[in-house]
N, C-alpha and C. Protein backbone atom coordinates (compact mmCIF):
# COMPACT_ATOMS: atom_id res chain seq x y z
N MET A 1 134.37 -140.19 12.31
CA MET A 1 134.95 -138.96 11.86
C MET A 1 135.70 -139.20 10.51
N ASN A 2 135.51 -138.34 9.57
CA ASN A 2 136.17 -138.44 8.34
C ASN A 2 137.61 -138.00 8.41
N ASN A 3 138.47 -138.73 7.70
CA ASN A 3 139.88 -138.35 7.65
C ASN A 3 140.18 -137.28 6.62
N ASP A 4 140.93 -136.27 7.02
CA ASP A 4 141.40 -135.25 6.14
C ASP A 4 142.79 -135.61 5.70
N LEU A 5 142.94 -136.12 4.45
CA LEU A 5 144.20 -136.64 3.98
C LEU A 5 145.38 -135.65 4.10
N GLU A 6 145.08 -134.41 3.75
CA GLU A 6 146.15 -133.39 3.81
C GLU A 6 146.55 -133.12 5.25
N ALA A 7 145.60 -133.11 6.22
CA ALA A 7 145.90 -132.86 7.56
C ALA A 7 146.73 -134.12 8.12
N LEU A 8 146.33 -135.32 7.73
CA LEU A 8 147.09 -136.46 8.17
C LEU A 8 148.52 -136.46 7.63
N ALA A 9 148.70 -136.09 6.36
CA ALA A 9 150.09 -135.98 5.80
C ALA A 9 150.90 -134.98 6.48
N ARG A 10 150.31 -133.89 6.97
CA ARG A 10 151.03 -132.89 7.73
C ARG A 10 151.41 -133.41 9.09
N ALA A 11 150.47 -134.18 9.72
CA ALA A 11 150.66 -134.75 11.01
C ALA A 11 151.86 -135.77 10.94
N ILE A 12 151.93 -136.54 9.88
CA ILE A 12 153.02 -137.49 9.70
C ILE A 12 154.29 -136.75 9.56
N GLN A 13 154.28 -135.68 8.75
CA GLN A 13 155.55 -134.88 8.57
C GLN A 13 156.00 -134.31 9.91
N GLN A 14 155.03 -133.76 10.69
CA GLN A 14 155.42 -133.22 12.00
C GLN A 14 155.91 -134.25 12.95
N ALA A 15 155.22 -135.38 13.02
CA ALA A 15 155.53 -136.36 14.02
C ALA A 15 156.76 -137.18 13.66
N HIS A 16 156.98 -137.48 12.40
CA HIS A 16 158.05 -138.39 11.98
C HIS A 16 159.07 -137.81 11.06
N GLY A 17 158.95 -136.49 10.74
CA GLY A 17 159.91 -135.82 9.89
C GLY A 17 160.14 -136.31 8.49
N CYS A 18 158.99 -136.77 7.87
CA CYS A 18 159.07 -137.33 6.55
C CYS A 18 157.82 -136.90 5.78
N LYS A 19 157.95 -136.73 4.39
CA LYS A 19 156.82 -136.48 3.59
C LYS A 19 156.04 -137.78 3.46
N ALA A 20 154.68 -137.57 3.22
CA ALA A 20 153.83 -138.74 3.17
C ALA A 20 152.92 -138.60 1.93
N THR A 21 152.80 -139.67 1.18
CA THR A 21 151.90 -139.73 0.06
C THR A 21 150.85 -140.84 0.25
N HIS A 22 149.55 -140.36 0.10
CA HIS A 22 148.42 -141.32 0.36
C HIS A 22 148.51 -142.55 -0.58
N ALA A 23 148.34 -143.76 0.01
CA ALA A 23 148.41 -144.98 -0.81
C ALA A 23 147.08 -145.80 -0.76
N ALA A 24 146.38 -145.78 0.38
CA ALA A 24 145.20 -146.59 0.47
C ALA A 24 144.38 -146.19 1.72
N SER A 25 143.10 -146.61 1.66
CA SER A 25 142.14 -146.43 2.77
C SER A 25 141.57 -147.82 3.09
N THR A 26 141.59 -148.15 4.35
CA THR A 26 141.19 -149.44 4.83
C THR A 26 140.25 -149.38 6.04
N PRO A 27 139.00 -149.89 5.87
CA PRO A 27 138.11 -149.88 7.04
C PRO A 27 138.60 -150.94 8.12
N VAL A 28 138.54 -150.50 9.35
CA VAL A 28 138.95 -151.40 10.46
C VAL A 28 137.92 -151.39 11.53
N HIS A 29 137.61 -152.63 11.99
CA HIS A 29 136.69 -152.76 13.06
C HIS A 29 137.33 -153.65 14.13
N GLU A 30 137.65 -153.02 15.29
CA GLU A 30 138.32 -153.71 16.35
C GLU A 30 137.44 -153.95 17.50
N THR A 31 137.35 -155.20 17.98
CA THR A 31 136.45 -155.57 19.06
C THR A 31 137.31 -156.15 20.19
N PHE A 32 136.72 -156.12 21.41
CA PHE A 32 137.27 -156.75 22.52
C PHE A 32 136.14 -157.38 23.30
N GLN A 33 136.18 -158.72 23.54
CA GLN A 33 135.11 -159.48 24.21
C GLN A 33 133.78 -159.15 23.63
N GLY A 34 133.71 -159.09 22.26
CA GLY A 34 132.45 -158.97 21.55
C GLY A 34 131.92 -157.53 21.41
N ALA A 35 132.65 -156.60 22.01
CA ALA A 35 132.21 -155.20 21.94
C ALA A 35 133.11 -154.39 21.05
N THR A 36 132.57 -153.51 20.31
CA THR A 36 133.36 -152.65 19.45
C THR A 36 134.13 -151.65 20.26
N VAL A 37 135.48 -151.61 20.11
CA VAL A 37 136.29 -150.64 20.80
C VAL A 37 136.81 -149.54 19.87
N TRP A 38 136.83 -149.83 18.57
CA TRP A 38 137.17 -148.84 17.59
C TRP A 38 136.67 -149.32 16.23
N ARG A 39 136.12 -148.33 15.46
CA ARG A 39 135.69 -148.60 14.13
C ARG A 39 135.94 -147.29 13.29
N GLY A 40 136.62 -147.47 12.15
CA GLY A 40 136.88 -146.37 11.33
C GLY A 40 137.71 -146.81 10.17
N THR A 41 138.18 -145.67 9.46
CA THR A 41 139.03 -145.93 8.33
C THR A 41 140.52 -145.54 8.64
N VAL A 42 141.39 -146.42 8.29
CA VAL A 42 142.81 -146.11 8.47
C VAL A 42 143.38 -145.83 7.16
N GLU A 43 144.16 -144.69 7.11
CA GLU A 43 144.81 -144.32 5.86
C GLU A 43 146.22 -144.81 5.85
N THR A 44 146.64 -145.44 4.77
CA THR A 44 148.03 -145.88 4.64
C THR A 44 148.79 -144.86 3.72
N PHE A 45 149.87 -144.40 4.20
CA PHE A 45 150.78 -143.44 3.47
C PHE A 45 152.07 -144.04 3.13
N THR A 46 152.63 -143.81 2.03
CA THR A 46 154.00 -144.16 1.71
C THR A 46 154.91 -143.06 2.22
N VAL A 47 155.96 -143.44 2.92
CA VAL A 47 156.87 -142.39 3.56
C VAL A 47 158.28 -142.80 3.23
N LYS A 48 159.13 -141.71 3.30
CA LYS A 48 160.59 -141.94 3.14
C LYS A 48 161.11 -141.66 4.56
N HIS A 49 161.24 -142.81 5.37
CA HIS A 49 161.70 -142.76 6.76
C HIS A 49 162.72 -143.81 6.92
N PRO A 50 163.73 -143.59 7.72
CA PRO A 50 164.80 -144.65 7.91
C PRO A 50 164.26 -145.96 8.44
N ALA A 51 163.14 -145.89 9.21
CA ALA A 51 162.65 -147.16 9.89
C ALA A 51 161.48 -147.80 9.17
N ALA A 52 160.87 -147.07 8.23
CA ALA A 52 159.59 -147.59 7.70
C ALA A 52 159.30 -147.05 6.24
N ARG A 53 158.66 -147.80 5.52
CA ARG A 53 158.24 -147.38 4.18
C ARG A 53 156.78 -146.88 4.16
N HIS A 54 156.01 -147.17 5.25
CA HIS A 54 154.64 -146.80 5.29
C HIS A 54 154.39 -146.23 6.70
N CYS A 55 153.24 -145.46 6.72
CA CYS A 55 152.79 -144.95 7.96
C CYS A 55 151.25 -145.06 7.95
N PHE A 56 150.63 -145.47 9.08
CA PHE A 56 149.19 -145.53 9.13
C PHE A 56 148.72 -144.37 9.89
N ALA A 57 147.61 -143.80 9.51
CA ALA A 57 147.10 -142.56 10.16
C ALA A 57 145.57 -142.51 10.04
N TRP A 58 144.98 -141.86 11.13
CA TRP A 58 143.55 -141.67 11.10
C TRP A 58 143.28 -140.54 12.10
N SER A 59 142.04 -140.05 12.08
CA SER A 59 141.60 -138.94 13.01
C SER A 59 140.59 -139.50 13.93
N ILE A 60 140.67 -138.97 15.12
CA ILE A 60 139.75 -139.24 16.18
C ILE A 60 139.30 -137.94 16.86
N PRO A 61 138.08 -137.85 17.38
CA PRO A 61 137.63 -136.62 18.06
C PRO A 61 138.30 -136.47 19.39
N ASP A 62 138.92 -135.25 19.64
CA ASP A 62 139.50 -134.93 20.88
C ASP A 62 138.30 -134.96 21.93
N PRO A 63 138.45 -135.77 23.00
CA PRO A 63 137.38 -135.96 23.99
C PRO A 63 136.98 -134.65 24.64
N LYS A 64 137.84 -133.65 24.73
CA LYS A 64 137.43 -132.40 25.33
C LYS A 64 136.89 -131.35 24.41
N THR A 65 137.39 -131.33 23.23
CA THR A 65 136.96 -130.24 22.30
C THR A 65 136.15 -130.79 21.06
N ASN A 66 136.19 -132.11 20.84
CA ASN A 66 135.64 -132.73 19.70
C ASN A 66 136.32 -132.36 18.36
N ASP A 67 137.41 -131.61 18.46
CA ASP A 67 138.19 -131.25 17.22
C ASP A 67 138.93 -132.53 16.87
N PRO A 68 139.28 -132.66 15.60
CA PRO A 68 140.07 -133.83 15.21
C PRO A 68 141.44 -133.92 15.81
N GLU A 69 141.81 -135.05 16.24
CA GLU A 69 143.13 -135.41 16.77
C GLU A 69 143.68 -136.44 15.77
N HIS A 70 144.95 -136.22 15.35
CA HIS A 70 145.47 -137.09 14.31
C HIS A 70 146.40 -138.18 14.95
N VAL A 71 146.18 -139.37 14.62
CA VAL A 71 147.01 -140.48 15.11
C VAL A 71 147.84 -140.95 13.99
N THR A 72 149.16 -141.13 14.29
CA THR A 72 150.09 -141.64 13.23
C THR A 72 150.91 -142.73 13.83
N VAL A 73 151.05 -143.94 13.04
CA VAL A 73 151.71 -145.01 13.55
C VAL A 73 152.69 -145.56 12.37
N LEU A 74 153.95 -145.52 12.60
CA LEU A 74 154.83 -145.96 11.55
C LEU A 74 154.67 -147.50 11.44
N ALA A 75 154.87 -148.03 10.22
CA ALA A 75 154.73 -149.43 9.93
C ALA A 75 156.09 -150.08 10.26
N VAL A 76 156.28 -150.31 11.51
CA VAL A 76 157.53 -150.94 12.04
C VAL A 76 157.13 -152.28 12.68
N PRO A 77 157.72 -153.42 12.31
CA PRO A 77 157.29 -154.69 12.87
C PRO A 77 157.22 -154.63 14.38
N PRO A 78 156.15 -155.24 14.87
CA PRO A 78 155.15 -156.07 14.26
C PRO A 78 153.98 -155.39 13.68
N VAL A 79 154.00 -154.05 13.72
CA VAL A 79 152.91 -153.28 13.11
C VAL A 79 153.10 -153.22 11.60
N ASP A 80 152.38 -154.05 10.81
CA ASP A 80 152.56 -154.06 9.42
C ASP A 80 151.25 -154.05 8.66
N THR A 81 150.05 -153.82 9.38
CA THR A 81 148.85 -153.70 8.72
C THR A 81 148.00 -152.54 9.46
N PRO A 82 147.03 -152.02 8.75
CA PRO A 82 146.18 -150.97 9.44
C PRO A 82 145.52 -151.48 10.74
N LYS A 83 145.13 -152.74 10.75
CA LYS A 83 144.41 -153.33 11.93
C LYS A 83 145.42 -153.39 13.11
N LYS A 84 146.64 -153.82 12.83
CA LYS A 84 147.71 -153.85 13.82
C LYS A 84 148.12 -152.47 14.36
N ALA A 85 148.03 -151.46 13.44
CA ALA A 85 148.32 -150.07 13.88
C ALA A 85 147.26 -149.65 14.93
N VAL A 86 146.01 -149.97 14.68
CA VAL A 86 144.94 -149.58 15.56
C VAL A 86 145.13 -150.34 16.92
N GLN A 87 145.43 -151.70 16.82
CA GLN A 87 145.66 -152.45 18.00
C GLN A 87 146.86 -151.83 18.85
N ALA A 88 147.93 -151.49 18.18
CA ALA A 88 149.09 -150.88 18.95
C ALA A 88 148.66 -149.57 19.60
N TYR A 89 147.91 -148.75 18.85
CA TYR A 89 147.45 -147.52 19.41
C TYR A 89 146.56 -147.72 20.63
N LEU A 90 145.63 -148.68 20.56
CA LEU A 90 144.72 -148.96 21.70
C LEU A 90 145.49 -149.49 22.89
N VAL A 91 146.45 -150.32 22.67
CA VAL A 91 147.32 -150.79 23.80
C VAL A 91 148.07 -149.69 24.42
N ALA A 92 148.67 -148.81 23.60
CA ALA A 92 149.44 -147.73 24.17
C ALA A 92 148.56 -146.66 24.91
N LYS A 93 147.39 -146.48 24.34
CA LYS A 93 146.40 -145.61 25.07
C LYS A 93 145.98 -146.20 26.35
N ALA A 94 145.73 -147.46 26.45
CA ALA A 94 145.36 -148.16 27.72
C ALA A 94 146.45 -148.04 28.67
N LYS A 95 147.71 -148.00 28.19
CA LYS A 95 148.82 -147.94 29.15
C LYS A 95 149.21 -146.46 29.49
N GLY A 96 148.48 -145.56 28.83
CA GLY A 96 148.75 -144.14 29.09
C GLY A 96 149.87 -143.52 28.36
N SER A 97 150.31 -144.21 27.31
CA SER A 97 151.43 -143.70 26.52
C SER A 97 151.06 -143.21 25.11
N ALA A 98 149.80 -143.11 24.88
CA ALA A 98 149.35 -142.56 23.54
C ALA A 98 148.56 -141.29 23.78
């Protein structure tokens, strides 16, 4: 699924209460026991937030409607790279908190 940068910036504003400026796009391929569990592009945004200077964001299809669902993860240690943002999201999702 392609990322809509404007929609992701709005999602960051809504979720974290800060403006977001696109800084970079990074391809990420996450595997577990040799199988792909996530592959896509993570967008890095510069933000003015008390806890972080960056936010990672990407879109995934909603499993029920196939409409885009926007994921936003603030760059707060230990999450300091796009790959770690995806890993944190996948762990939270597995625990039912994402």
